[in-house]
Amino acid sequence: MGWCLGLLPNMAFMARNRLNTINSNNPTITILTNMPVTPANGQSKRSSGRSWPVLATLITIIAVAIMVSLGCWQLARMEQKQQRLHSIAQKAAQAPMQVSQALQSFSDVRDIPVSFSAEVDSSRAILLDNQVYQGKPGYAVIVPVRSQEQQFLVNLGWVPAPAQRDQLPDIVMPANVFNMEGVISVPGNNRLISETATQFNTFPLRLQQIDIANLNFQWGTSMPNILVQRIASAPDLTGFTPVWQAVVMPPEKHLGYAIQWFGLALAAVVIFFSVLMRRANNNDNYGSDSRKA
């Protein structure tokens, strides 16, 4: 249909020349031949105006697909957090047990409450960097302990960082033996974090993340991949603040983010069709004006 319309100007030009040769003195024919031929040009403009949504449609589809997928991902994270909180509540109802007993009894030892008497190896203190509490930068103080012939890591708590980066906090380590209650956690390695430590036998050891497999390799130990988070201890540890949270972002926040992404996707669709209808109306009005002319 488009190529046919494109031939109309040429056909009109040929017809005009033919009419001129038949009778150039006939006023009626002269009027006909002098009439402008505009339908093809008008139709071409309308066709070019209607071809614009192709690129806009692709961009809108891609954007909506990305936003919907992000919303679905947030819903999946919300469900994971709900399941985690349910698991924490179930395990918290159990009586605290020894760490060695928990390792033998459960395949997933996360969030299991433990109680034990431990001997602290204060000579190998670790300072976990970039720990913020109440808006203040600091460190999590982590030490190896031994309980019932089982060696593992314990997070004693948070301490504030000195004003100067090249200074380390002055830490008063606990007595060699103390009683403690806590919860088992499993440290995860973030691939986006690059470890800055090159020497692992200079203490206190400042690390960016806890990689127990690497510590076992550096120290020649065989600690399990757990980190016990201290909740309480006897005697009490002055200067160490327990700040660990099993779930940092609650499920409600993930739901809020999901609603935002779905809302943005809906807004993109509404805007796209609104602009499309407006362009179609403008093209129709232009075609109507061309026919009247």
C-alpha atoms as a PDB file:
ATOM      1  CA  MET A   1       0.000   0.000   0.000  1.00  0.00           C
ATOM      2  CA  GLY A   2       2.812   2.421   0.821  1.00  0.00           C
ATOM      3  CA  TRP A   3       4.608   1.957  -2.479  1.00  0.00           C
ATOM      4  CA  CYS A   4       1.336   2.505  -4.345  1.00  0.00           C
ATOM      5  CA  LEU A   5       0.820   5.805  -2.603  1.00  0.00           C
ATOM      6  CA  GLY A   6       4.362   6.773  -3.486  1.00  0.00           C
ATOM      7  CA  LEU A   7       3.521   6.484  -7.202  1.00  0.00           C
ATOM      8  CA  LEU A   8       0.630   8.950  -7.039  1.00  0.00           C
ATOM      9  CA  PRO A   9       2.752  12.123  -7.546  1.00  0.00           C
ATOM     10  CA  ASN A  10       4.355  10.658 -10.690  1.00  0.00           C
ATOM     11  CA  MET A  11       0.978   9.542 -12.039  1.00  0.00           C
ATOM     12  CA  ALA A  12      -0.457  13.011 -11.443  1.00  0.00           C
ATOM     13  CA  PHE A  13       2.450  14.633 -13.243  1.00  0.00           C
ATOM     14  CA  MET A  14       2.003  12.357 -16.265  1.00  0.00           C
ATOM     15  CA  ALA A  15      -1.752  12.973 -16.350  1.00  0.00           C
ATOM     16  CA  ARG A  16      -1.231  16.723 -16.215  1.00  0.00           C
ATOM     17  CA  ASN A  17       1.105  16.652 -19.213  1.00  0.00           C
ATOM     18  CA  ARG A  18      -1.381  14.485 -21.117  1.00  0.00           C
ATOM     19  CA  LEU A  19      -4.247  16.874 -20.440  1.00  0.00           C
ATOM     20  CA  ASN A  20      -2.167  19.834 -21.572  1.00  0.00           C
ATOM     21  CA  THR A  21      -1.524  18.166 -24.895  1.00  0.00           C
ATOM     22  CA  ILE A  22      -5.244  17.366 -25.394  1.00  0.00           C
ATOM     23  CA  ASN A  23      -6.633  20.856 -24.957  1.00  0.00           C
ATOM     24  CA  SER A  24      -4.619  23.539 -23.261  1.00  0.00           C
ATOM     25  CA  ASN A  25      -7.355  26.088 -23.952  1.00  0.00           C
ATOM     26  CA  ASN A  26     -10.109  24.292 -22.029  1.00  0.00           C
ATOM     27  CA  PRO A  27     -10.594  26.202 -18.739  1.00  0.00           C
ATOM     28  CA  THR A  28     -12.061  23.195 -16.952  1.00  0.00           C
ATOM     29  CA  ILE A  29      -9.062  21.062 -17.702  1.00  0.00           C
ATOM     30  CA  THR A  30      -6.767  23.935 -16.794  1.00  0.00           C
ATOM     31  CA  ILE A  31      -8.375  24.155 -13.351  1.00  0.00           C
ATOM     32  CA  LEU A  32      -8.032  20.400 -12.839  1.00  0.00           C
ATOM     33  CA  THR A  33      -4.410  20.372 -13.832  1.00  0.00           C
ATOM     34  CA  ASN A  34      -3.582  23.252 -11.525  1.00  0.00           C
ATOM     35  CA  MET A  35      -5.050  21.551  -8.428  1.00  0.00           C
ATOM     36  CA  PRO A  36      -2.299  20.506  -5.961  1.00  0.00           C
ATOM     37  CA  VAL A  37      -1.872  16.800  -5.323  1.00  0.00           C
ATOM     38  CA  THR A  38      -1.362  16.443  -1.567  1.00  0.00           C
ATOM     39  CA  PRO A  39      -2.811  13.101  -0.400  1.00  0.00           C
ATOM     40  CA  ALA A  40       0.411  11.201  -0.999  1.00  0.00           C
ATOM     41  CA  ASN A  41       2.545  13.745   0.849  1.00  0.00           C
ATOM     42  CA  GLY A  42       0.064  13.928   3.707  1.00  0.00           C
ATOM     43  CA  GLN A  43      -0.128  10.176   3.917  1.00  0.00           C
ATOM     44  CA  SER A  44       3.678   9.971   3.937  1.00  0.00           C
ATOM     45  CA  LYS A  45       3.865  12.380   6.840  1.00  0.00           C
ATOM     46  CA  ARG A  46       1.254  10.430   8.743  1.00  0.00           C
ATOM     47  CA  SER A  47       3.095   7.170   8.088  1.00  0.00           C
ATOM     48  CA  SER A  48       6.399   8.633   9.281  1.00  0.00           C
ATOM     49  CA  GLY A  49       4.660   9.985  12.361  1.00  0.00           C
ATOM     50  CA  ARG A  50       3.241   6.580  13.198  1.00  0.00           C
ATOM     51  CA  SER A  51       6.585   4.793  12.836  1.00  0.00           C
ATOM     52  CA  TRP A  52       8.176   6.536  15.818  1.00  0.00           C
ATOM     53  CA  PRO A  53       6.937   4.172  18.623  1.00  0.00           C
ATOM     54  CA  VAL A  54       9.189   1.287  17.486  1.00  0.00           C
ATOM     55  CA  LEU A  55      12.254   2.457  19.403  1.00  0.00           C
ATOM     56  CA  ALA A  56      10.165   3.858  22.246  1.00  0.00           C
ATOM     57  CA  THR A  57       8.316   0.541  22.527  1.00  0.00           C
ATOM     58  CA  LEU A  58      11.561  -1.430  22.808  1.00  0.00           C
ATOM     59  CA  ILE A  59      12.920   0.924  25.457  1.00  0.00           C
ATOM     60  CA  THR A  60       9.662   0.774  27.424  1.00  0.00           C
ATOM     61  CA  ILE A  61       9.508  -3.032  27.278  1.00  0.00           C
ATOM     62  CA  ILE A  62      13.103  -3.380  28.474  1.00  0.00           C
ATOM     63  CA  ALA A  63      12.632  -0.840  31.271  1.00  0.00           C
ATOM     64  CA  VAL A  64       9.373  -2.417  32.445  1.00  0.00           C
ATOM     65  CA  ALA A  65      10.922  -5.905  32.357  1.00  0.00           C
ATOM     66  CA  ILE A  66      13.862  -4.744  34.485  1.00  0.00           C
ATOM     67  CA  MET A  67      11.633  -2.992  37.021  1.00  0.00           C
ATOM     68  CA  VAL A  68       9.252  -5.950  37.295  1.00  0.00           C
ATOM     69  CA  SER A  69      12.171  -8.358  37.777  1.00  0.00           C
ATOM     70  CA  LEU A  70      13.593  -6.131  40.522  1.00  0.00           C
ATOM     71  CA  GLY A  71      10.194  -6.068  42.211  1.00  0.00           C
ATOM     72  CA  CYS A  72       9.970  -9.864  42.058  1.00  0.00           C
ATOM     73  CA  TRP A  73      13.496 -10.126  43.476  1.00  0.00           C
ATOM     74  CA  GLN A  74      12.505  -7.929  46.414  1.00  0.00           C
ATOM     75  CA  LEU A  75       9.469 -10.151  47.042  1.00  0.00           C
ATOM     76  CA  ALA A  76      11.741 -13.204  47.031  1.00  0.00           C
ATOM     77  CA  ARG A  77      14.061 -11.498  49.530  1.00  0.00           C
ATOM     78  CA  MET A  78      11.057 -10.664  51.704  1.00  0.00           C
ATOM     79  CA  GLU A  79      10.047 -14.329  51.750  1.00  0.00           C
ATOM     80  CA  GLN A  80      13.599 -15.369  52.635  1.00  0.00           C
ATOM     81  CA  LYS A  81      13.695 -12.916  55.534  1.00  0.00           C
ATOM     82  CA  GLN A  82      10.327 -14.154  56.801  1.00  0.00           C
ATOM     83  CA  GLN A  83      11.559 -17.745  56.735  1.00  0.00           C
ATOM     84  CA  ARG A  84      14.773 -16.704  58.491  1.00  0.00           C
ATOM     85  CA  LEU A  85      12.885 -14.899  61.254  1.00  0.00           C
ATOM     86  CA  HIS A  86      10.637 -17.923  61.700  1.00  0.00           C
ATOM     87  CA  SER A  87      13.696 -20.176  61.986  1.00  0.00           C
ATOM     88  CA  ILE A  88      15.309 -17.800  64.496  1.00  0.00           C
ATOM     89  CA  ALA A  89      12.178 -17.825  66.656  1.00  0.00           C
ATOM     90  CA  GLN A  90      12.063 -21.625  66.634  1.00  0.00           C
ATOM     91  CA  LYS A  91      15.743 -22.020  67.531  1.00  0.00           C
ATOM     92  CA  ALA A  92      15.602 -19.308  70.185  1.00  0.00           C
ATOM     93  CA  ALA A  93      12.999 -21.378  72.035  1.00  0.00           C
ATOM     94  CA  GLN A  94      15.555 -24.158  72.511  1.00  0.00           C
ATOM     95  CA  ALA A  95      17.786 -24.387  75.551  1.00  0.00           C
ATOM     96  CA  PRO A  96      21.378 -23.214  74.934  1.00  0.00           C
ATOM     97  CA  MET A  97      23.837 -26.017  74.187  1.00  0.00           C
ATOM     98  CA  GLN A  98      27.549 -26.491  73.809  1.00  0.00           C
ATOM     99  CA  VAL A  99      29.087 -25.458  70.506  1.00  0.00           C
ATOM    100  CA  SER A 100      30.463 -28.942  69.872  1.00  0.00           C
ATOM    101  CA  GLN A 101      27.003 -30.423  70.494  1.00  0.00           C
ATOM    102  CA  ALA A 102      25.406 -27.982  68.046  1.00  0.00           C
ATOM    103  CA  LEU A 103      27.962 -28.825  65.354  1.00  0.00           C
ATOM    104  CA  GLN A 104      27.220 -32.534  65.759  1.00  0.00           C
ATOM    105  CA  SER A 105      23.431 -32.219  65.957  1.00  0.00           C
ATOM    106  CA  PHE A 106      22.566 -29.726  63.198  1.00  0.00           C
ATOM    107  CA  SER A 107      23.505 -29.388  59.554  1.00  0.00           C
ATOM    108  CA  ASP A 108      22.510 -25.703  59.669  1.00  0.00           C
ATOM    109  CA  VAL A 109      23.908 -24.259  62.883  1.00  0.00           C
ATOM    110  CA  ARG A 110      22.917 -20.646  62.217  1.00  0.00           C
ATOM    111  CA  ASP A 111      21.016 -18.903  65.026  1.00  0.00           C
ATOM    112  CA  ILE A 112      21.420 -21.769  67.507  1.00  0.00           C
ATOM    113  CA  PRO A 113      21.827 -20.450  71.077  1.00  0.00           C
ATOM    114  CA  VAL A 114      24.941 -21.695  72.854  1.00  0.00           C
ATOM    115  CA  SER A 115      26.395 -21.477  76.334  1.00  0.00           C
ATOM    116  CA  PHE A 116      29.925 -22.499  77.213  1.00  0.00           C
ATOM    117  CA  SER A 117      33.038 -21.893  79.258  1.00  0.00           C
ATOM    118  CA  ALA A 118      35.970 -20.926  77.054  1.00  0.00           C
ATOM    119  CA  GLU A 119      39.652 -20.177  77.192  1.00  0.00           C
ATOM    120  CA  VAL A 120      40.459 -17.029  75.231  1.00  0.00           C
ATOM    121  CA  ASP A 121      43.480 -16.760  72.959  1.00  0.00           C
ATOM    122  CA  SER A 122      43.871 -13.001  73.379  1.00  0.00           C
ATOM    123  CA  SER A 123      47.211 -13.034  71.551  1.00  0.00           C
ATOM    124  CA  ARG A 124      45.363 -13.466  68.231  1.00  0.00           C
ATOM    125  CA  ALA A 125      42.815 -10.680  68.383  1.00  0.00           C
ATOM    126  CA  ILE A 126      41.124  -9.705  65.113  1.00  0.00           C
ATOM    127  CA  LEU A 127      39.661  -6.265  64.368  1.00  0.00           C
ATOM    128  CA  LEU A 128      36.899  -6.527  61.762  1.00  0.00           C
ATOM    129  CA  ASP A 129      36.950  -3.195  59.934  1.00  0.00           C
ATOM    130  CA  ASN A 130      34.095  -0.906  58.807  1.00  0.00           C
ATOM    131  CA  GLN A 131      31.647  -1.715  61.593  1.00  0.00           C
ATOM    132  CA  VAL A 132      29.265   1.188  62.218  1.00  0.00           C
ATOM    133  CA  TYR A 133      27.184   1.490  65.387  1.00  0.00           C
ATOM    134  CA  GLN A 134      24.855   4.440  66.033  1.00  0.00           C
ATOM    135  CA  GLY A 135      26.546   6.352  63.239  1.00  0.00           C
ATOM    136  CA  LYS A 136      30.058   5.865  64.652  1.00  0.00           C
ATOM    137  CA  PRO A 137      32.790   3.876  62.884  1.00  0.00           C
ATOM    138  CA  GLY A 138      34.475   1.096  64.772  1.00  0.00           C
ATOM    139  CA  TYR A 139      35.600  -2.505  64.847  1.00  0.00           C
ATOM    140  CA  ALA A 140      34.197  -5.861  65.857  1.00  0.00           C
ATOM    141  CA  VAL A 141      36.690  -7.577  68.159  1.00  0.00           C
ATOM    142  CA  ILE A 142      36.976 -11.271  67.317  1.00  0.00           C
ATOM    143  CA  VAL A 143      39.153 -13.786  69.140  1.00  0.00           C
ATOM    144  CA  PRO A 144      39.791 -17.530  68.924  1.00  0.00           C
ATOM    145  CA  VAL A 145      38.582 -19.485  71.953  1.00  0.00           C
ATOM    146  CA  ARG A 146      38.792 -23.106  73.005  1.00  0.00           C
ATOM    147  CA  SER A 147      35.923 -24.950  74.641  1.00  0.00           C
ATOM    148  CA  GLN A 148      35.796 -28.707  75.221  1.00  0.00           C
ATOM    149  CA  GLU A 149      38.733 -29.272  72.870  1.00  0.00           C
ATOM    150  CA  GLN A 150      36.888 -27.334  70.158  1.00  0.00           C
ATOM    151  CA  GLN A 151      38.488 -24.148  68.843  1.00  0.00           C
ATOM    152  CA  PHE A 152      36.338 -21.485  67.149  1.00  0.00           C
ATOM    153  CA  LEU A 153      35.958 -17.725  66.759  1.00  0.00           C
ATOM    154  CA  VAL A 154      33.906 -15.455  69.021  1.00  0.00           C
ATOM    155  CA  ASN A 155      32.765 -11.894  68.343  1.00  0.00           C
ATOM    156  CA  LEU A 156      33.195 -10.138  71.681  1.00  0.00           C
ATOM    157  CA  GLY A 157      31.469  -6.959  70.490  1.00  0.00           C
ATOM    158  CA  TRP A 158      31.925  -3.530  68.963  1.00  0.00           C
ATOM    159  CA  VAL A 159      34.537  -0.943  69.978  1.00  0.00           C
ATOM    160  CA  PRO A 160      34.853   2.624  68.608  1.00  0.00           C
ATOM    161  CA  ALA A 161      37.667   3.467  66.208  1.00  0.00           C
ATOM    162  CA  PRO A 162      40.241   6.178  66.990  1.00  0.00           C
ATOM    163  CA  ALA A 163      40.100   9.444  65.083  1.00  0.00           C
ATOM    164  CA  GLN A 164      43.216   8.583  63.084  1.00  0.00           C
ATOM    165  CA  ARG A 165      43.067   5.727  60.600  1.00  0.00           C
ATOM    166  CA  ASP A 166      46.636   4.631  61.328  1.00  0.00           C
ATOM    167  CA  GLN A 167      45.778   4.124  65.007  1.00  0.00           C
ATOM    168  CA  LEU A 168      44.143   1.026  66.468  1.00  0.00           C
ATOM    169  CA  PRO A 169      41.818   0.990  69.477  1.00  0.00           C
ATOM    170  CA  ASP A 170      43.290   0.286  72.887  1.00  0.00           C
ATOM    171  CA  ILE A 171      41.596  -2.977  73.857  1.00  0.00           C
ATOM    172  CA  VAL A 172      41.560  -4.576  77.290  1.00  0.00           C
ATOM    173  CA  MET A 173      41.123  -8.257  76.563  1.00  0.00           C
ATOM    174  CA  PRO A 174      39.064 -10.475  78.892  1.00  0.00           C
ATOM    175  CA  ALA A 175      40.492 -12.981  81.320  1.00  0.00           C
ATOM    176  CA  ASN A 176      41.814 -16.237  79.965  1.00  0.00           C
ATOM    177  CA  VAL A 177      38.695 -18.195  80.977  1.00  0.00           C
ATOM    178  CA  PHE A 178      35.129 -16.886  81.063  1.00  0.00           C
ATOM    179  CA  ASN A 179      31.549 -18.080  80.667  1.00  0.00           C
ATOM    180  CA  MET A 180      29.549 -16.874  77.706  1.00  0.00           C
ATOM    181  CA  GLU A 181      26.128 -17.054  76.074  1.00  0.00           C
ATOM    182  CA  GLY A 182      25.739 -16.367  72.402  1.00  0.00           C
ATOM    183  CA  VAL A 183      24.303 -17.309  69.046  1.00  0.00           C
ATOM    184  CA  ILE A 184      26.077 -19.144  66.243  1.00  0.00           C
ATOM    185  CA  SER A 185      26.438 -17.301  62.947  1.00  0.00           C
ATOM    186  CA  VAL A 186      28.135 -18.289  59.707  1.00  0.00           C
ATOM    187  CA  PRO A 187      30.390 -15.623  58.166  1.00  0.00           C
ATOM    188  CA  GLY A 188      29.967 -15.051  54.454  1.00  0.00           C
ATOM    189  CA  ASN A 189      32.584 -13.771  52.049  1.00  0.00           C
ATOM    190  CA  ASN A 190      31.711 -10.765  49.923  1.00  0.00           C
ATOM    191  CA  ARG A 191      33.460 -10.978  46.552  1.00  0.00           C
ATOM    192  CA  LEU A 192      33.254  -7.213  46.189  1.00  0.00           C
ATOM    193  CA  ILE A 193      35.474  -6.726  49.257  1.00  0.00           C
ATOM    194  CA  SER A 194      39.223  -6.925  48.729  1.00  0.00           C
ATOM    195  CA  GLU A 195      41.284  -7.993  51.708  1.00  0.00           C
ATOM    196  CA  THR A 196      43.964  -5.450  52.568  1.00  0.00           C
ATOM    197  CA  ALA A 197      45.912  -7.527  55.092  1.00  0.00           C
ATOM    198  CA  THR A 198      49.100  -9.129  53.828  1.00  0.00           C
ATOM    199  CA  GLN A 199      50.522 -10.303  57.164  1.00  0.00           C
ATOM    200  CA  PHE A 200      48.357 -12.598  59.281  1.00  0.00           C
ATOM    201  CA  ASN A 201      50.683 -13.017  62.249  1.00  0.00           C
ATOM    202  CA  THR A 202      50.842  -9.396  63.420  1.00  0.00           C
ATOM    203  CA  PHE A 203      48.238  -8.642  66.090  1.00  0.00           C
ATOM    204  CA  PRO A 204      45.802  -7.144  66.571  1.00  0.00           C
ATOM    205  CA  LEU A 205      45.007  -8.172  62.995  1.00  0.00           C
ATOM    206  CA  ARG A 206      42.829  -5.738  61.046  1.00  0.00           C
ATOM    207  CA  LEU A 207      40.690  -7.518  58.435  1.00  0.00           C
ATOM    208  CA  GLN A 208      37.983  -6.447  55.996  1.00  0.00           C
ATOM    209  CA  GLN A 209      36.027  -9.690  56.344  1.00  0.00           C
ATOM    210  CA  ILE A 210      36.262 -13.013  58.144  1.00  0.00           C
ATOM    211  CA  ASP A 211      37.535 -15.817  55.922  1.00  0.00           C
ATOM    212  CA  ILE A 212      37.956 -18.758  58.282  1.00  0.00           C
ATOM    213  CA  ALA A 213      39.384 -21.038  55.599  1.00  0.00           C
ATOM    214  CA  ASN A 214      42.164 -18.519  54.985  1.00  0.00           C
ATOM    215  CA  LEU A 215      42.780 -18.073  58.717  1.00  0.00           C
ATOM    216  CA  ASN A 216      43.083 -21.836  59.128  1.00  0.00           C
ATOM    217  CA  PHE A 217      45.611 -21.856  56.290  1.00  0.00           C
ATOM    218  CA  GLN A 218      47.602 -18.950  57.743  1.00  0.00           C
ATOM    219  CA  TRP A 219      47.562 -20.178  61.333  1.00  0.00           C
ATOM    220  CA  GLY A 220      47.656 -23.925  60.798  1.00  0.00           C
ATOM    221  CA  THR A 221      44.373 -24.435  62.680  1.00  0.00           C
ATOM    222  CA  SER A 222      41.167 -26.350  61.901  1.00  0.00           C
ATOM    223  CA  MET A 223      38.420 -24.054  63.170  1.00  0.00           C
ATOM    224  CA  PRO A 224      34.857 -24.705  61.927  1.00  0.00           C
ATOM    225  CA  ASN A 225      33.213 -22.120  59.677  1.00  0.00           C
ATOM    226  CA  ILE A 226      31.253 -20.442  62.463  1.00  0.00           C
ATOM    227  CA  LEU A 227      31.413 -17.181  64.380  1.00  0.00           C
ATOM    228  CA  VAL A 228      29.733 -17.110  67.787  1.00  0.00           C
ATOM    229  CA  GLN A 229      28.088 -13.764  68.512  1.00  0.00           C
ATOM    230  CA  ARG A 230      28.354 -12.873  72.198  1.00  0.00           C
ATOM    231  CA  ILE A 231      25.108 -11.887  73.897  1.00  0.00           C
ATOM    232  CA  ALA A 232      26.184 -11.990  77.543  1.00  0.00           C
ATOM    233  CA  SER A 233      29.179 -13.174  79.524  1.00  0.00           C
ATOM    234  CA  ALA A 234      30.489 -13.603  83.029  1.00  0.00           C
ATOM    235  CA  PRO A 235      32.428 -11.674  84.009  1.00  0.00           C
ATOM    236  CA  ASP A 236      30.917  -8.881  81.947  1.00  0.00           C
ATOM    237  CA  LEU A 237      33.174  -7.454  79.252  1.00  0.00           C
ATOM    238  CA  THR A 238      33.455  -3.713  79.764  1.00  0.00           C
ATOM    239  CA  GLY A 239      33.991  -1.733  76.581  1.00  0.00           C
ATOM    240  CA  PHE A 240      32.625  -4.366  74.185  1.00  0.00           C
ATOM    241  CA  THR A 241      29.107  -3.662  72.893  1.00  0.00           C
ATOM    242  CA  PRO A 242      27.135  -6.608  71.438  1.00  0.00           C
ATOM    243  CA  VAL A 243      25.465  -5.178  68.324  1.00  0.00           C
ATOM    244  CA  TRP A 244      24.974  -8.212  66.091  1.00  0.00           C
ATOM    245  CA  GLN A 245      21.647  -8.591  64.248  1.00  0.00           C
ATOM    246  CA  ALA A 246      20.638 -11.765  62.423  1.00  0.00           C
ATOM    247  CA  VAL A 247      18.372  -9.823  60.035  1.00  0.00           C
ATOM    248  CA  VAL A 248      19.453  -6.265  59.327  1.00  0.00           C
ATOM    249  CA  MET A 249      16.697  -5.328  56.863  1.00  0.00           C
ATOM    250  CA  PRO A 250      13.201  -6.498  57.927  1.00  0.00           C
ATOM    251  CA  PRO A 251      10.793  -8.108  55.426  1.00  0.00           C
ATOM    252  CA  GLU A 252       8.580  -5.002  55.433  1.00  0.00           C
ATOM    253  CA  LYS A 253      11.319  -2.944  53.777  1.00  0.00           C
ATOM    254  CA  HIS A 254      11.677  -5.464  50.974  1.00  0.00           C
ATOM    255  CA  LEU A 255       7.912  -5.296  50.439  1.00  0.00           C
ATOM    256  CA  GLY A 256       8.098  -1.509  50.263  1.00  0.00           C
ATOM    257  CA  TYR A 257      10.880  -1.650  47.681  1.00  0.00           C
ATOM    258  CA  ALA A 258       8.899  -4.196  45.632  1.00  0.00           C
ATOM    259  CA  ILE A 259       5.855  -1.915  45.594  1.00  0.00           C
ATOM    260  CA  GLN A 260       8.048   0.970  44.440  1.00  0.00           C
ATOM    261  CA  TRP A 261       9.466  -1.045  41.528  1.00  0.00           C
ATOM    262  CA  PHE A 262       6.027  -2.276  40.460  1.00  0.00           C
ATOM    263  CA  GLY A 263       4.688   1.265  40.717  1.00  0.00           C
ATOM    264  CA  LEU A 264       7.482   2.584  38.502  1.00  0.00           C
ATOM    265  CA  ALA A 265       6.768  -0.148  35.939  1.00  0.00           C
ATOM    266  CA  LEU A 266       3.075   0.751  35.914  1.00  0.00           C
ATOM    267  CA  ALA A 267       3.888   4.443  35.574  1.00  0.00           C
ATOM    268  CA  ALA A 268       6.151   3.722  32.594  1.00  0.00           C
ATOM    269  CA  VAL A 269       3.358   1.793  30.844  1.00  0.00           C
ATOM    270  CA  VAL A 270       0.799   4.538  31.517  1.00  0.00           C
ATOM    271  CA  ILE A 271       3.134   7.261  30.246  1.00  0.00           C
ATOM    272  CA  PHE A 272       3.965   5.248  27.124  1.00  0.00           C
ATOM    273  CA  PHE A 273       0.337   4.707  26.123  1.00  0.00           C
ATOM    274  CA  SER A 274      -0.600   8.289  26.992  1.00  0.00           C
ATOM    275  CA  VAL A 275       2.088   9.628  24.671  1.00  0.00           C
ATOM    276  CA  LEU A 276       1.128   7.082  22.003  1.00  0.00           C
ATOM    277  CA  MET A 277      -2.538   8.128  22.059  1.00  0.00           C
ATOM    278  CA  ARG A 278      -1.625  11.798  21.979  1.00  0.00           C
ATOM    279  CA  ARG A 279       0.592  11.281  18.940  1.00  0.00           C
ATOM    280  CA  ALA A 280      -2.151   9.285  17.200  1.00  0.00           C
ATOM    281  CA  ASN A 281      -4.680  12.068  17.826  1.00  0.00           C
ATOM    282  CA  ASN A 282      -2.259  14.666  16.480  1.00  0.00           C
ATOM    283  CA  ASN A 283      -1.728  12.603  13.319  1.00  0.00           C
ATOM    284  CA  ASP A 284      -5.477  12.179  12.818  1.00  0.00           C
ATOM    285  CA  ASN A 285      -6.016  15.916  13.209  1.00  0.00           C
ATOM    286  CA  TYR A 286      -3.247  16.601  10.703  1.00  0.00           C
ATOM    287  CA  GLY A 287      -4.791  14.202   8.185  1.00  0.00           C
ATOM    288  CA  SER A 288      -8.216  15.789   8.611  1.00  0.00           C
ATOM    289  CA  ASP A 289      -6.788  19.260   8.054  1.00  0.00           C
ATOM    290  CA  SER A 290      -4.941  18.053   4.946  1.00  0.00           C
ATOM    291  CA  ARG A 291      -8.113  16.615   3.437  1.00  0.00           C
ATOM    292  CA  LYS A 292     -10.003  19.848   4.091  1.00  0.00           C
ATOM    293  CA  ALA A 293      -7.256  21.828   2.401  1.00  0.00           C
END
